[in-house]
Amino acid sequence: MAIEPDPQLERMRASIDNIDAALVHLLAERFKITQAVGEYKASAGLPPADPAREDAQIARLRALAVESGLDPSFTEQFLRFIVAEVIHHHQRIAAGDRDLDGGAR
């Protein structure tokens, strides 16, 4: 006996799916921009990481999370994860590796 899908649950899940897709697209766009930043930093002889900028961003986004009703600790962990990946990309760019997506494009 098959269980009938709950229409309200299906609508909510469809919205979640749309948000997840938007997040993926936003992250892809963010990484395109940070790749350009990494290329600029490499050509200008700048270090891959900027701890002062990272600290300022974390403070800014923690405050934004509080205003938005989101757990600031979660927000910080998420941002630190993204920044760590960006720094890794910048290090690879500085070392001459321009194929950061494994040829996925």
N, C-alpha and C. Protein backbone atom coordinates (compact mmCIF):
# COMPACT_ATOMS: atom_id res chain seq x y z
N MET A 1 0.84 -1.17 0.00
CA MET A 1 0.00 0.00 0.00
C MET A 1 0.90 1.24 0.00
N ALA A 2 0.75 2.05 -1.01
CA ALA A 2 1.55 3.26 -1.15
C ALA A 2 0.97 4.38 -0.30
N ILE A 3 1.85 5.13 0.31
CA ILE A 3 1.42 6.27 1.10
C ILE A 3 1.32 7.48 0.18
N GLU A 4 0.18 8.17 0.27
CA GLU A 4 -0.02 9.37 -0.55
C GLU A 4 0.92 10.48 -0.08
N PRO A 5 1.57 11.17 -1.01
CA PRO A 5 2.43 12.28 -0.59
C PRO A 5 1.60 13.40 0.03
N ASP A 6 2.15 14.02 1.02
CA ASP A 6 1.51 15.14 1.70
C ASP A 6 1.77 16.40 0.88
N PRO A 7 0.72 17.02 0.32
CA PRO A 7 0.91 18.19 -0.55
C PRO A 7 1.64 19.35 0.13
N GLN A 8 1.33 19.58 1.40
CA GLN A 8 1.99 20.68 2.12
C GLN A 8 3.48 20.38 2.28
N LEU A 9 3.79 19.14 2.65
CA LEU A 9 5.19 18.73 2.79
C LEU A 9 5.92 18.82 1.44
N GLU A 10 5.27 18.41 0.39
CA GLU A 10 5.86 18.47 -0.95
C GLU A 10 6.16 19.92 -1.37
N ARG A 11 5.24 20.84 -1.05
CA ARG A 11 5.47 22.27 -1.37
C ARG A 11 6.67 22.80 -0.60
N MET A 12 6.74 22.46 0.69
CA MET A 12 7.87 22.93 1.49
C MET A 12 9.18 22.34 0.98
N ARG A 13 9.17 21.07 0.63
CA ARG A 13 10.39 20.44 0.11
C ARG A 13 10.80 21.04 -1.24
N ALA A 14 9.82 21.39 -2.06
CA ALA A 14 10.14 22.04 -3.33
C ALA A 14 10.82 23.38 -3.09
N SER A 15 10.35 24.12 -2.10
CA SER A 15 11.00 25.39 -1.75
C SER A 15 12.42 25.16 -1.25
N ILE A 16 12.59 24.15 -0.41
CA ILE A 16 13.94 23.82 0.07
C ILE A 16 14.84 23.46 -1.11
N ASP A 17 14.33 22.68 -2.05
CA ASP A 17 15.11 22.30 -3.23
C ASP A 17 15.53 23.54 -4.03
N ASN A 18 14.62 24.50 -4.16
CA ASN A 18 14.94 25.74 -4.88
C ASN A 18 16.03 26.53 -4.14
N ILE A 19 15.93 26.60 -2.84
CA ILE A 19 16.94 27.31 -2.05
C ILE A 19 18.29 26.61 -2.16
N ASP A 20 18.29 25.27 -2.09
CA ASP A 20 19.55 24.53 -2.24
C ASP A 20 20.19 24.81 -3.60
N ALA A 21 19.38 24.85 -4.64
CA ALA A 21 19.91 25.15 -5.98
C ALA A 21 20.49 26.56 -6.01
N ALA A 22 19.79 27.51 -5.41
CA ALA A 22 20.29 28.88 -5.37
C ALA A 22 21.61 28.96 -4.61
N LEU A 23 21.72 28.22 -3.50
CA LEU A 23 22.97 28.21 -2.74
C LEU A 23 24.13 27.68 -3.58
N VAL A 24 23.88 26.62 -4.32
CA VAL A 24 24.94 26.06 -5.18
C VAL A 24 25.37 27.09 -6.21
N HIS A 25 24.41 27.77 -6.82
CA HIS A 25 24.73 28.79 -7.83
C HIS A 25 25.48 29.96 -7.20
N LEU A 26 25.06 30.38 -6.02
CA LEU A 26 25.75 31.47 -5.32
C LEU A 26 27.18 31.08 -4.96
N LEU A 27 27.37 29.86 -4.48
CA LEU A 27 28.72 29.41 -4.16
C LEU A 27 29.59 29.34 -5.41
N ALA A 28 29.02 28.87 -6.50
CA ALA A 28 29.78 28.80 -7.75
C ALA A 28 30.21 30.20 -8.18
N GLU A 29 29.31 31.16 -8.07
CA GLU A 29 29.63 32.54 -8.44
C GLU A 29 30.68 33.11 -7.49
N ARG A 30 30.55 32.82 -6.22
CA ARG A 30 31.53 33.31 -5.24
C ARG A 30 32.92 32.76 -5.56
N PHE A 31 32.99 31.48 -5.89
CA PHE A 31 34.30 30.88 -6.18
C PHE A 31 34.88 31.39 -7.50
N LYS A 32 34.05 31.75 -8.45
CA LYS A 32 34.57 32.39 -9.67
C LYS A 32 35.26 33.70 -9.32
N ILE A 33 34.62 34.47 -8.44
CA ILE A 33 35.19 35.76 -8.05
C ILE A 33 36.46 35.56 -7.22
N THR A 34 36.41 34.62 -6.27
CA THR A 34 37.59 34.42 -5.44
C THR A 34 38.74 33.83 -6.25
N GLN A 35 38.45 33.12 -7.33
CA GLN A 35 39.54 32.65 -8.20
C GLN A 35 40.22 33.86 -8.85
N ALA A 36 39.44 34.83 -9.29
CA ALA A 36 40.01 36.05 -9.86
C ALA A 36 40.84 36.80 -8.82
N VAL A 37 40.34 36.82 -7.58
CA VAL A 37 41.11 37.45 -6.50
C VAL A 37 42.44 36.71 -6.31
N GLY A 38 42.39 35.39 -6.33
CA GLY A 38 43.61 34.59 -6.17
C GLY A 38 44.61 34.85 -7.28
N GLU A 39 44.11 34.99 -8.50
CA GLU A 39 45.00 35.28 -9.62
C GLU A 39 45.62 36.66 -9.47
N TYR A 40 44.82 37.63 -9.02
CA TYR A 40 45.34 38.97 -8.78
C TYR A 40 46.40 38.95 -7.68
N LYS A 41 46.07 38.28 -6.57
CA LYS A 41 47.03 38.20 -5.46
C LYS A 41 48.34 37.57 -5.91
N ALA A 42 48.26 36.50 -6.69
CA ALA A 42 49.47 35.82 -7.16
C ALA A 42 50.29 36.76 -8.04
N SER A 43 49.62 37.47 -8.95
CA SER A 43 50.35 38.37 -9.86
C SER A 43 50.92 39.58 -9.13
N ALA A 44 50.28 39.99 -8.02
CA ALA A 44 50.75 41.15 -7.26
C ALA A 44 51.70 40.76 -6.13
N GLY A 45 51.95 39.45 -5.98
CA GLY A 45 52.84 38.99 -4.93
C GLY A 45 52.25 39.08 -3.53
N LEU A 46 50.92 39.07 -3.45
CA LEU A 46 50.23 39.13 -2.16
C LEU A 46 50.04 37.73 -1.59
N PRO A 47 49.98 37.60 -0.27
CA PRO A 47 49.79 36.28 0.33
C PRO A 47 48.38 35.74 0.05
N PRO A 48 48.24 34.41 0.02
CA PRO A 48 46.92 33.81 -0.23
C PRO A 48 45.88 34.13 0.84
N ALA A 49 46.32 34.28 2.09
CA ALA A 49 45.39 34.54 3.19
C ALA A 49 45.51 35.98 3.65
N ASP A 50 44.41 36.50 4.16
CA ASP A 50 44.37 37.85 4.73
C ASP A 50 43.62 37.75 6.06
N PRO A 51 44.34 37.38 7.13
CA PRO A 51 43.69 37.13 8.42
C PRO A 51 42.86 38.31 8.94
N ALA A 52 43.32 39.54 8.72
CA ALA A 52 42.55 40.70 9.20
C ALA A 52 41.21 40.77 8.48
N ARG A 53 41.20 40.56 7.17
CA ARG A 53 39.96 40.57 6.39
C ARG A 53 39.04 39.43 6.85
N GLU A 54 39.63 38.25 7.07
CA GLU A 54 38.84 37.10 7.50
C GLU A 54 38.18 37.38 8.84
N ASP A 55 38.93 37.95 9.79
CA ASP A 55 38.37 38.27 11.10
C ASP A 55 37.24 39.29 10.99
N ALA A 56 37.43 40.30 10.15
CA ALA A 56 36.40 41.31 9.96
C ALA A 56 35.14 40.70 9.35
N GLN A 57 35.33 39.81 8.36
CA GLN A 57 34.18 39.16 7.73
C GLN A 57 33.43 38.27 8.72
N ILE A 58 34.18 37.54 9.53
CA ILE A 58 33.54 36.67 10.52
C ILE A 58 32.71 37.51 11.50
N ALA A 59 33.28 38.60 11.99
CA ALA A 59 32.54 39.46 12.92
C ALA A 59 31.29 40.03 12.24
N ARG A 60 31.44 40.50 11.00
CA ARG A 60 30.31 41.07 10.27
C ARG A 60 29.22 40.04 10.04
N LEU A 61 29.59 38.84 9.63
CA LEU A 61 28.59 37.82 9.33
C LEU A 61 27.98 37.21 10.59
N ARG A 62 28.74 37.16 11.68
CA ARG A 62 28.14 36.72 12.95
C ARG A 62 27.05 37.69 13.38
N ALA A 63 27.33 38.99 13.25
CA ALA A 63 26.31 40.00 13.60
C ALA A 63 25.10 39.89 12.69
N LEU A 64 25.34 39.70 11.41
CA LEU A 64 24.24 39.53 10.45
C LEU A 64 23.42 38.28 10.79
N ALA A 65 24.10 37.22 11.20
CA ALA A 65 23.39 36.00 11.58
C ALA A 65 22.46 36.26 12.76
N VAL A 66 22.97 36.96 13.76
CA VAL A 66 22.14 37.28 14.93
C VAL A 66 20.91 38.07 14.49
N GLU A 67 21.13 39.09 13.65
CA GLU A 67 20.00 39.90 13.15
C GLU A 67 19.00 39.06 12.38
N SER A 68 19.48 38.02 11.72
CA SER A 68 18.63 37.19 10.86
C SER A 68 18.03 35.99 11.58
N GLY A 69 18.37 35.81 12.85
CA GLY A 69 17.83 34.67 13.59
C GLY A 69 18.54 33.36 13.27
N LEU A 70 19.79 33.46 12.83
CA LEU A 70 20.58 32.27 12.50
C LEU A 70 21.67 32.12 13.54
N ASP A 71 22.02 30.91 13.87
CA ASP A 71 23.06 30.63 14.86
C ASP A 71 24.39 31.22 14.39
N PRO A 72 24.95 32.19 15.12
CA PRO A 72 26.21 32.80 14.69
C PRO A 72 27.38 31.83 14.68
N SER A 73 27.37 30.83 15.56
CA SER A 73 28.45 29.83 15.57
C SER A 73 28.41 29.00 14.29
N PHE A 74 27.21 28.60 13.88
CA PHE A 74 27.06 27.87 12.62
C PHE A 74 27.55 28.73 11.46
N THR A 75 27.16 30.00 11.46
CA THR A 75 27.55 30.92 10.39
C THR A 75 29.07 31.04 10.33
N GLU A 76 29.71 31.17 11.48
CA GLU A 76 31.17 31.27 11.52
C GLU A 76 31.82 29.99 11.00
N GLN A 77 31.33 28.85 11.41
CA GLN A 77 31.89 27.57 10.94
C GLN A 77 31.75 27.45 9.43
N PHE A 78 30.60 27.83 8.91
CA PHE A 78 30.35 27.76 7.48
C PHE A 78 31.31 28.68 6.73
N LEU A 79 31.45 29.91 7.23
CA LEU A 79 32.36 30.86 6.58
C LEU A 79 33.80 30.38 6.66
N ARG A 80 34.21 29.87 7.80
CA ARG A 80 35.59 29.37 7.93
C ARG A 80 35.85 28.22 6.95
N PHE A 81 34.85 27.37 6.75
CA PHE A 81 34.99 26.28 5.79
C PHE A 81 35.21 26.83 4.38
N ILE A 82 34.40 27.81 4.00
CA ILE A 82 34.53 28.43 2.67
C ILE A 82 35.87 29.13 2.53
N VAL A 83 36.25 29.91 3.54
CA VAL A 83 37.51 30.65 3.48
C VAL A 83 38.70 29.69 3.38
N ALA A 84 38.65 28.60 4.12
CA ALA A 84 39.74 27.62 4.04
C ALA A 84 39.88 27.07 2.62
N GLU A 85 38.77 26.82 1.97
CA GLU A 85 38.80 26.34 0.58
C GLU A 85 39.34 27.42 -0.35
N VAL A 86 38.92 28.66 -0.14
CA VAL A 86 39.42 29.78 -0.95
C VAL A 86 40.92 29.92 -0.79
N ILE A 87 41.41 29.87 0.45
CA ILE A 87 42.85 29.99 0.69
C ILE A 87 43.59 28.85 0.00
N HIS A 88 43.04 27.65 0.08
CA HIS A 88 43.64 26.51 -0.61
C HIS A 88 43.73 26.78 -2.11
N HIS A 89 42.67 27.31 -2.69
CA HIS A 89 42.68 27.67 -4.11
C HIS A 89 43.74 28.73 -4.39
N HIS A 90 43.81 29.74 -3.54
CA HIS A 90 44.79 30.81 -3.74
C HIS A 90 46.22 30.27 -3.66
N GLN A 91 46.45 29.33 -2.76
CA GLN A 91 47.77 28.71 -2.66
C GLN A 91 48.10 27.94 -3.94
N ARG A 92 47.12 27.23 -4.47
CA ARG A 92 47.34 26.48 -5.71
C ARG A 92 47.59 27.43 -6.89
N ILE A 93 46.84 28.52 -6.94
CA ILE A 93 47.05 29.51 -8.00
C ILE A 93 48.45 30.08 -7.90
N ALA A 94 48.88 30.44 -6.69
CA ALA A 94 50.21 31.01 -6.48
C ALA A 94 51.30 30.02 -6.91
N ALA A 95 51.00 28.73 -6.78
CA ALA A 95 51.95 27.70 -7.18
C ALA A 95 51.88 27.38 -8.68
N GLY A 96 50.97 28.07 -9.40
CA GLY A 96 50.87 27.89 -10.83
C GLY A 96 49.78 26.96 -11.30
N ASP A 97 48.98 26.44 -10.41
CA ASP A 97 47.88 25.52 -10.77
C ASP A 97 46.62 26.32 -11.02
N ARG A 98 46.21 26.43 -12.26
CA ARG A 98 45.01 27.22 -12.62
C ARG A 98 43.76 26.34 -12.78
N ASP A 99 43.91 25.02 -12.79
CA ASP A 99 42.78 24.10 -12.98
C ASP A 99 42.25 23.67 -11.62
N LEU A 100 41.48 24.56 -10.98
CA LEU A 100 41.01 24.32 -9.62
C LEU A 100 39.77 23.46 -9.54
N ASP A 101 39.06 23.31 -10.64
CA ASP A 101 37.82 22.53 -10.57
C ASP A 101 37.98 21.15 -11.18
N GLY A 102 39.21 20.74 -11.43
CA GLY A 102 39.44 19.40 -11.96
C GLY A 102 38.92 19.22 -13.36
N GLY A 103 38.79 20.34 -14.10
CA GLY A 103 38.32 20.25 -15.49
C GLY A 103 36.81 20.13 -15.61
N ALA A 104 36.07 20.49 -14.55
CA ALA A 104 34.62 20.32 -14.56
C ALA A 104 33.91 21.33 -15.47
N ARG A 105 34.59 22.37 -15.89
CA ARG A 105 33.92 23.39 -16.71
C ARG A 105 33.89 23.04 -18.14
